[in-house]
N, C-alpha and C. Protein backbone atom coordinates (compact mmCIF):
# COMPACT_ATOMS: atom_id res chain seq x y z
N MET A 1 -11.09 -12.99 10.20
CA MET A 1 -9.84 -13.44 9.62
C MET A 1 -9.98 -13.59 8.11
N TYR A 2 -11.12 -14.11 7.66
CA TYR A 2 -11.31 -14.32 6.23
C TYR A 2 -11.29 -13.01 5.46
N GLN A 3 -11.82 -11.95 6.05
CA GLN A 3 -11.90 -10.67 5.35
C GLN A 3 -10.51 -10.10 5.07
N VAL A 4 -9.54 -10.45 5.88
CA VAL A 4 -8.18 -9.98 5.63
C VAL A 4 -7.42 -10.98 4.77
N THR A 5 -7.61 -12.28 5.01
CA THR A 5 -6.87 -13.27 4.22
C THR A 5 -7.29 -13.26 2.76
N CYS A 6 -8.54 -12.88 2.47
CA CYS A 6 -8.93 -12.80 1.07
C CYS A 6 -8.27 -11.62 0.38
N LYS A 7 -7.75 -10.66 1.15
CA LYS A 7 -7.04 -9.52 0.57
C LYS A 7 -5.54 -9.78 0.47
N LEU A 8 -5.10 -10.96 0.90
CA LEU A 8 -3.68 -11.27 0.89
C LEU A 8 -3.08 -11.28 -0.52
N PRO A 9 -3.71 -11.89 -1.54
CA PRO A 9 -3.12 -11.82 -2.88
C PRO A 9 -3.02 -10.38 -3.41
N VAL A 10 -4.00 -9.57 -3.08
CA VAL A 10 -3.96 -8.16 -3.49
C VAL A 10 -2.79 -7.46 -2.81
N ALA A 11 -2.59 -7.75 -1.52
CA ALA A 11 -1.49 -7.12 -0.79
C ALA A 11 -0.14 -7.57 -1.34
N LEU A 12 -0.03 -8.85 -1.71
CA LEU A 12 1.22 -9.32 -2.31
C LEU A 12 1.49 -8.61 -3.64
N GLY A 13 0.45 -8.48 -4.45
CA GLY A 13 0.61 -7.78 -5.72
C GLY A 13 0.96 -6.32 -5.53
N GLU A 14 0.29 -5.67 -4.57
CA GLU A 14 0.59 -4.26 -4.31
C GLU A 14 2.00 -4.09 -3.79
N GLY A 15 2.42 -5.00 -2.92
CA GLY A 15 3.78 -4.93 -2.39
C GLY A 15 4.83 -5.10 -3.47
N LEU A 16 4.61 -6.07 -4.36
CA LEU A 16 5.56 -6.29 -5.46
C LEU A 16 5.56 -5.10 -6.42
N LEU A 17 4.38 -4.54 -6.68
CA LEU A 17 4.30 -3.37 -7.54
C LEU A 17 5.00 -2.17 -6.90
N GLY A 18 4.83 -2.03 -5.58
CA GLY A 18 5.50 -0.94 -4.86
C GLY A 18 7.01 -1.09 -4.88
N ILE A 19 7.49 -2.31 -4.68
CA ILE A 19 8.94 -2.55 -4.72
C ILE A 19 9.48 -2.29 -6.12
N LEU A 20 8.73 -2.72 -7.14
CA LEU A 20 9.15 -2.48 -8.52
C LEU A 20 9.22 -0.98 -8.82
N ALA A 21 8.19 -0.25 -8.41
CA ALA A 21 8.19 1.20 -8.65
C ALA A 21 9.31 1.89 -7.90
N LEU A 22 9.54 1.47 -6.66
CA LEU A 22 10.62 2.07 -5.87
C LEU A 22 11.98 1.77 -6.49
N SER A 23 12.16 0.55 -6.99
CA SER A 23 13.44 0.22 -7.62
C SER A 23 13.64 0.99 -8.93
N ILE A 24 12.55 1.23 -9.66
CA ILE A 24 12.68 2.05 -10.87
C ILE A 24 13.08 3.47 -10.50
N ILE A 25 12.48 4.01 -9.43
CA ILE A 25 12.84 5.36 -8.99
C ILE A 25 14.31 5.43 -8.58
N ILE A 26 14.77 4.43 -7.84
CA ILE A 26 16.13 4.45 -7.31
C ILE A 26 17.17 4.22 -8.42
N PHE A 27 16.94 3.22 -9.28
CA PHE A 27 17.98 2.81 -10.21
C PHE A 27 17.90 3.46 -11.58
N SER A 28 16.84 4.18 -11.87
CA SER A 28 16.72 4.78 -13.19
C SER A 28 17.31 6.18 -13.19
N LYS A 29 18.05 6.49 -14.23
CA LYS A 29 18.64 7.82 -14.35
C LYS A 29 17.66 8.79 -15.01
N THR A 30 16.94 8.33 -16.01
CA THR A 30 15.96 9.18 -16.67
C THR A 30 14.60 8.49 -16.62
N LEU A 31 13.59 9.23 -16.27
CA LEU A 31 12.23 8.69 -16.21
C LEU A 31 11.34 9.43 -17.21
N GLU A 32 11.84 9.55 -18.44
CA GLU A 32 11.10 10.33 -19.43
C GLU A 32 9.76 9.70 -19.83
N PRO A 33 9.70 8.40 -20.13
CA PRO A 33 8.41 7.89 -20.60
C PRO A 33 7.34 7.82 -19.51
N MET A 34 7.74 7.65 -18.26
CA MET A 34 6.77 7.52 -17.17
C MET A 34 6.96 8.65 -16.18
N PRO A 35 5.89 9.35 -15.81
CA PRO A 35 6.06 10.46 -14.87
C PRO A 35 6.46 9.97 -13.48
N MET A 36 7.27 10.76 -12.81
CA MET A 36 7.79 10.41 -11.49
C MET A 36 6.66 10.30 -10.47
N GLY A 37 5.65 11.15 -10.56
CA GLY A 37 4.56 11.13 -9.60
C GLY A 37 3.80 9.82 -9.61
N PHE A 38 3.63 9.24 -10.78
CA PHE A 38 2.93 7.96 -10.89
C PHE A 38 3.70 6.86 -10.17
N LEU A 39 5.02 6.87 -10.32
CA LEU A 39 5.85 5.88 -9.63
C LEU A 39 5.83 6.09 -8.12
N VAL A 40 5.79 7.34 -7.69
CA VAL A 40 5.72 7.63 -6.26
C VAL A 40 4.41 7.11 -5.68
N VAL A 41 3.31 7.31 -6.42
CA VAL A 41 2.02 6.80 -5.97
C VAL A 41 2.06 5.28 -5.86
N LEU A 42 2.60 4.62 -6.87
CA LEU A 42 2.67 3.16 -6.84
C LEU A 42 3.52 2.66 -5.68
N SER A 43 4.67 3.29 -5.47
CA SER A 43 5.56 2.79 -4.42
C SER A 43 5.00 3.03 -3.03
N ILE A 44 4.49 4.23 -2.77
CA ILE A 44 3.95 4.51 -1.44
C ILE A 44 2.72 3.66 -1.17
N ASN A 45 1.79 3.65 -2.11
CA ASN A 45 0.54 2.91 -1.90
C ASN A 45 0.79 1.41 -1.80
N GLY A 46 1.60 0.87 -2.69
CA GLY A 46 1.85 -0.56 -2.68
C GLY A 46 2.55 -1.04 -1.42
N LEU A 47 3.61 -0.33 -1.05
CA LEU A 47 4.37 -0.77 0.12
C LEU A 47 3.59 -0.61 1.42
N THR A 48 2.90 0.52 1.59
CA THR A 48 2.16 0.70 2.84
C THR A 48 0.98 -0.26 2.94
N ASN A 49 0.31 -0.53 1.84
CA ASN A 49 -0.80 -1.47 1.90
C ASN A 49 -0.32 -2.89 2.16
N ALA A 50 0.81 -3.26 1.60
CA ALA A 50 1.35 -4.59 1.87
C ALA A 50 1.79 -4.72 3.32
N ILE A 51 2.46 -3.70 3.84
CA ILE A 51 2.88 -3.73 5.25
C ILE A 51 1.67 -3.77 6.17
N THR A 52 0.64 -2.98 5.85
CA THR A 52 -0.57 -2.96 6.67
C THR A 52 -1.25 -4.32 6.67
N THR A 53 -1.37 -4.94 5.51
CA THR A 53 -2.04 -6.24 5.42
C THR A 53 -1.28 -7.30 6.21
N PHE A 54 0.03 -7.36 6.05
CA PHE A 54 0.80 -8.38 6.75
C PHE A 54 0.83 -8.14 8.26
N SER A 55 0.85 -6.87 8.67
CA SER A 55 0.82 -6.61 10.11
C SER A 55 -0.53 -6.98 10.71
N PHE A 56 -1.62 -6.71 9.99
CA PHE A 56 -2.93 -7.11 10.49
C PHE A 56 -3.09 -8.62 10.50
N LEU A 57 -2.53 -9.31 9.52
CA LEU A 57 -2.57 -10.78 9.54
C LEU A 57 -1.81 -11.32 10.73
N TYR A 58 -0.70 -10.70 11.06
CA TYR A 58 0.07 -11.12 12.23
C TYR A 58 -0.73 -10.89 13.51
N LEU A 59 -1.39 -9.73 13.60
CA LEU A 59 -2.20 -9.45 14.78
C LEU A 59 -3.37 -10.42 14.89
N PHE A 60 -3.99 -10.76 13.76
CA PHE A 60 -5.12 -11.69 13.79
C PHE A 60 -4.68 -13.10 14.15
N SER A 61 -3.46 -13.46 13.79
CA SER A 61 -2.99 -14.79 14.15
C SER A 61 -2.73 -14.88 15.66
N LYS A 62 -2.43 -13.74 16.30
CA LYS A 62 -2.21 -13.74 17.74
C LYS A 62 -3.52 -13.64 18.52
N ASN A 63 -4.44 -12.78 18.05
CA ASN A 63 -5.72 -12.58 18.74
C ASN A 63 -6.84 -13.06 17.83
N SER A 64 -7.50 -14.11 18.22
CA SER A 64 -8.54 -14.67 17.35
C SER A 64 -9.93 -14.39 17.89
N HIS A 65 -10.11 -13.34 18.66
CA HIS A 65 -11.43 -13.00 19.18
C HIS A 65 -12.24 -12.35 18.06
N GLN A 66 -13.54 -12.59 18.07
CA GLN A 66 -14.38 -12.10 16.98
C GLN A 66 -14.68 -10.61 17.06
N ALA A 67 -14.98 -10.09 18.25
CA ALA A 67 -15.38 -8.67 18.37
C ALA A 67 -14.24 -7.72 17.99
N PRO A 68 -13.01 -7.91 18.47
CA PRO A 68 -11.95 -6.99 18.06
C PRO A 68 -11.65 -7.07 16.56
N GLN A 69 -11.92 -8.23 15.94
CA GLN A 69 -11.65 -8.35 14.51
C GLN A 69 -12.53 -7.43 13.69
N LYS A 70 -13.79 -7.28 14.08
CA LYS A 70 -14.68 -6.39 13.32
C LYS A 70 -14.19 -4.95 13.40
N ILE A 71 -13.74 -4.54 14.57
CA ILE A 71 -13.18 -3.19 14.72
C ILE A 71 -11.89 -3.06 13.92
N ALA A 72 -11.06 -4.09 13.99
CA ALA A 72 -9.78 -4.04 13.29
C ALA A 72 -9.96 -4.04 11.77
N ILE A 73 -10.99 -4.72 11.27
CA ILE A 73 -11.24 -4.70 9.83
C ILE A 73 -11.58 -3.29 9.38
N ASN A 74 -12.38 -2.59 10.18
CA ASN A 74 -12.71 -1.20 9.83
C ASN A 74 -11.48 -0.31 9.88
N ILE A 75 -10.62 -0.52 10.88
CA ILE A 75 -9.37 0.25 10.96
C ILE A 75 -8.48 -0.07 9.76
N TYR A 76 -8.42 -1.35 9.43
CA TYR A 76 -7.61 -1.81 8.29
C TYR A 76 -8.06 -1.15 6.99
N ASP A 77 -9.37 -1.16 6.73
CA ASP A 77 -9.88 -0.53 5.51
C ASP A 77 -9.65 0.97 5.53
N GLY A 78 -9.77 1.58 6.71
CA GLY A 78 -9.50 3.01 6.83
C GLY A 78 -8.06 3.35 6.52
N ILE A 79 -7.14 2.54 7.02
CA ILE A 79 -5.71 2.77 6.75
C ILE A 79 -5.43 2.64 5.26
N ARG A 80 -6.03 1.66 4.62
CA ARG A 80 -5.81 1.48 3.18
C ARG A 80 -6.34 2.68 2.39
N TRP A 81 -7.49 3.21 2.77
CA TRP A 81 -8.04 4.38 2.07
C TRP A 81 -7.18 5.61 2.32
N VAL A 82 -6.73 5.79 3.55
CA VAL A 82 -5.90 6.96 3.87
C VAL A 82 -4.58 6.90 3.11
N THR A 83 -3.96 5.72 3.05
CA THR A 83 -2.69 5.63 2.32
C THR A 83 -2.91 5.84 0.82
N MET A 84 -4.03 5.37 0.30
CA MET A 84 -4.29 5.57 -1.12
C MET A 84 -4.45 7.06 -1.43
N ILE A 85 -5.24 7.74 -0.63
CA ILE A 85 -5.47 9.17 -0.86
C ILE A 85 -4.19 9.97 -0.64
N THR A 86 -3.43 9.62 0.41
CA THR A 86 -2.18 10.33 0.68
C THR A 86 -1.17 10.11 -0.44
N SER A 87 -1.06 8.89 -0.93
CA SER A 87 -0.10 8.64 -2.00
C SER A 87 -0.50 9.35 -3.28
N ILE A 88 -1.79 9.46 -3.55
CA ILE A 88 -2.22 10.20 -4.74
C ILE A 88 -1.88 11.68 -4.59
N ILE A 89 -2.10 12.24 -3.40
CA ILE A 89 -1.77 13.65 -3.17
C ILE A 89 -0.27 13.88 -3.32
N VAL A 90 0.55 12.99 -2.75
CA VAL A 90 2.01 13.13 -2.87
C VAL A 90 2.43 12.99 -4.33
N GLY A 91 1.83 12.04 -5.04
CA GLY A 91 2.16 11.85 -6.45
C GLY A 91 1.80 13.04 -7.31
N VAL A 92 0.63 13.64 -7.05
CA VAL A 92 0.23 14.83 -7.80
C VAL A 92 1.18 15.99 -7.51
N SER A 93 1.61 16.11 -6.26
CA SER A 93 2.55 17.19 -5.94
C SER A 93 3.90 16.95 -6.63
N PHE A 94 4.31 15.68 -6.76
CA PHE A 94 5.53 15.39 -7.51
C PHE A 94 5.36 15.73 -8.98
N MET A 95 4.17 15.47 -9.52
CA MET A 95 3.94 15.81 -10.93
C MET A 95 3.98 17.31 -11.14
N ASN A 96 3.52 18.06 -10.15
CA ASN A 96 3.56 19.52 -10.27
C ASN A 96 4.98 20.05 -10.17
N LEU A 97 5.86 19.33 -9.49
CA LEU A 97 7.25 19.77 -9.36
C LEU A 97 8.05 19.56 -10.64
N GLU A 98 7.61 18.62 -11.48
CA GLU A 98 8.38 18.29 -12.67
C GLU A 98 8.29 19.37 -13.72
């Protein structure tokens, strides 16, 4: 439980950064100073990592067994790495489209 709860402030920050980036994408007419791909990376990575962290915290609050937590921590870290790599790939493809 501690290994996920210590990542809670990071998840809150990533979630807020993702919401901010998504709102800039939605409400901005011109994105000249900042590339669109960078904002896509921030929004996808931030929102998915925040959702993943909060869902795992919810699961850990329901199941407090020690053995499944070790497996779930590895799954949790894997999901965070996959979303980071995927969001970077999507962001680079958006930069190539511009």
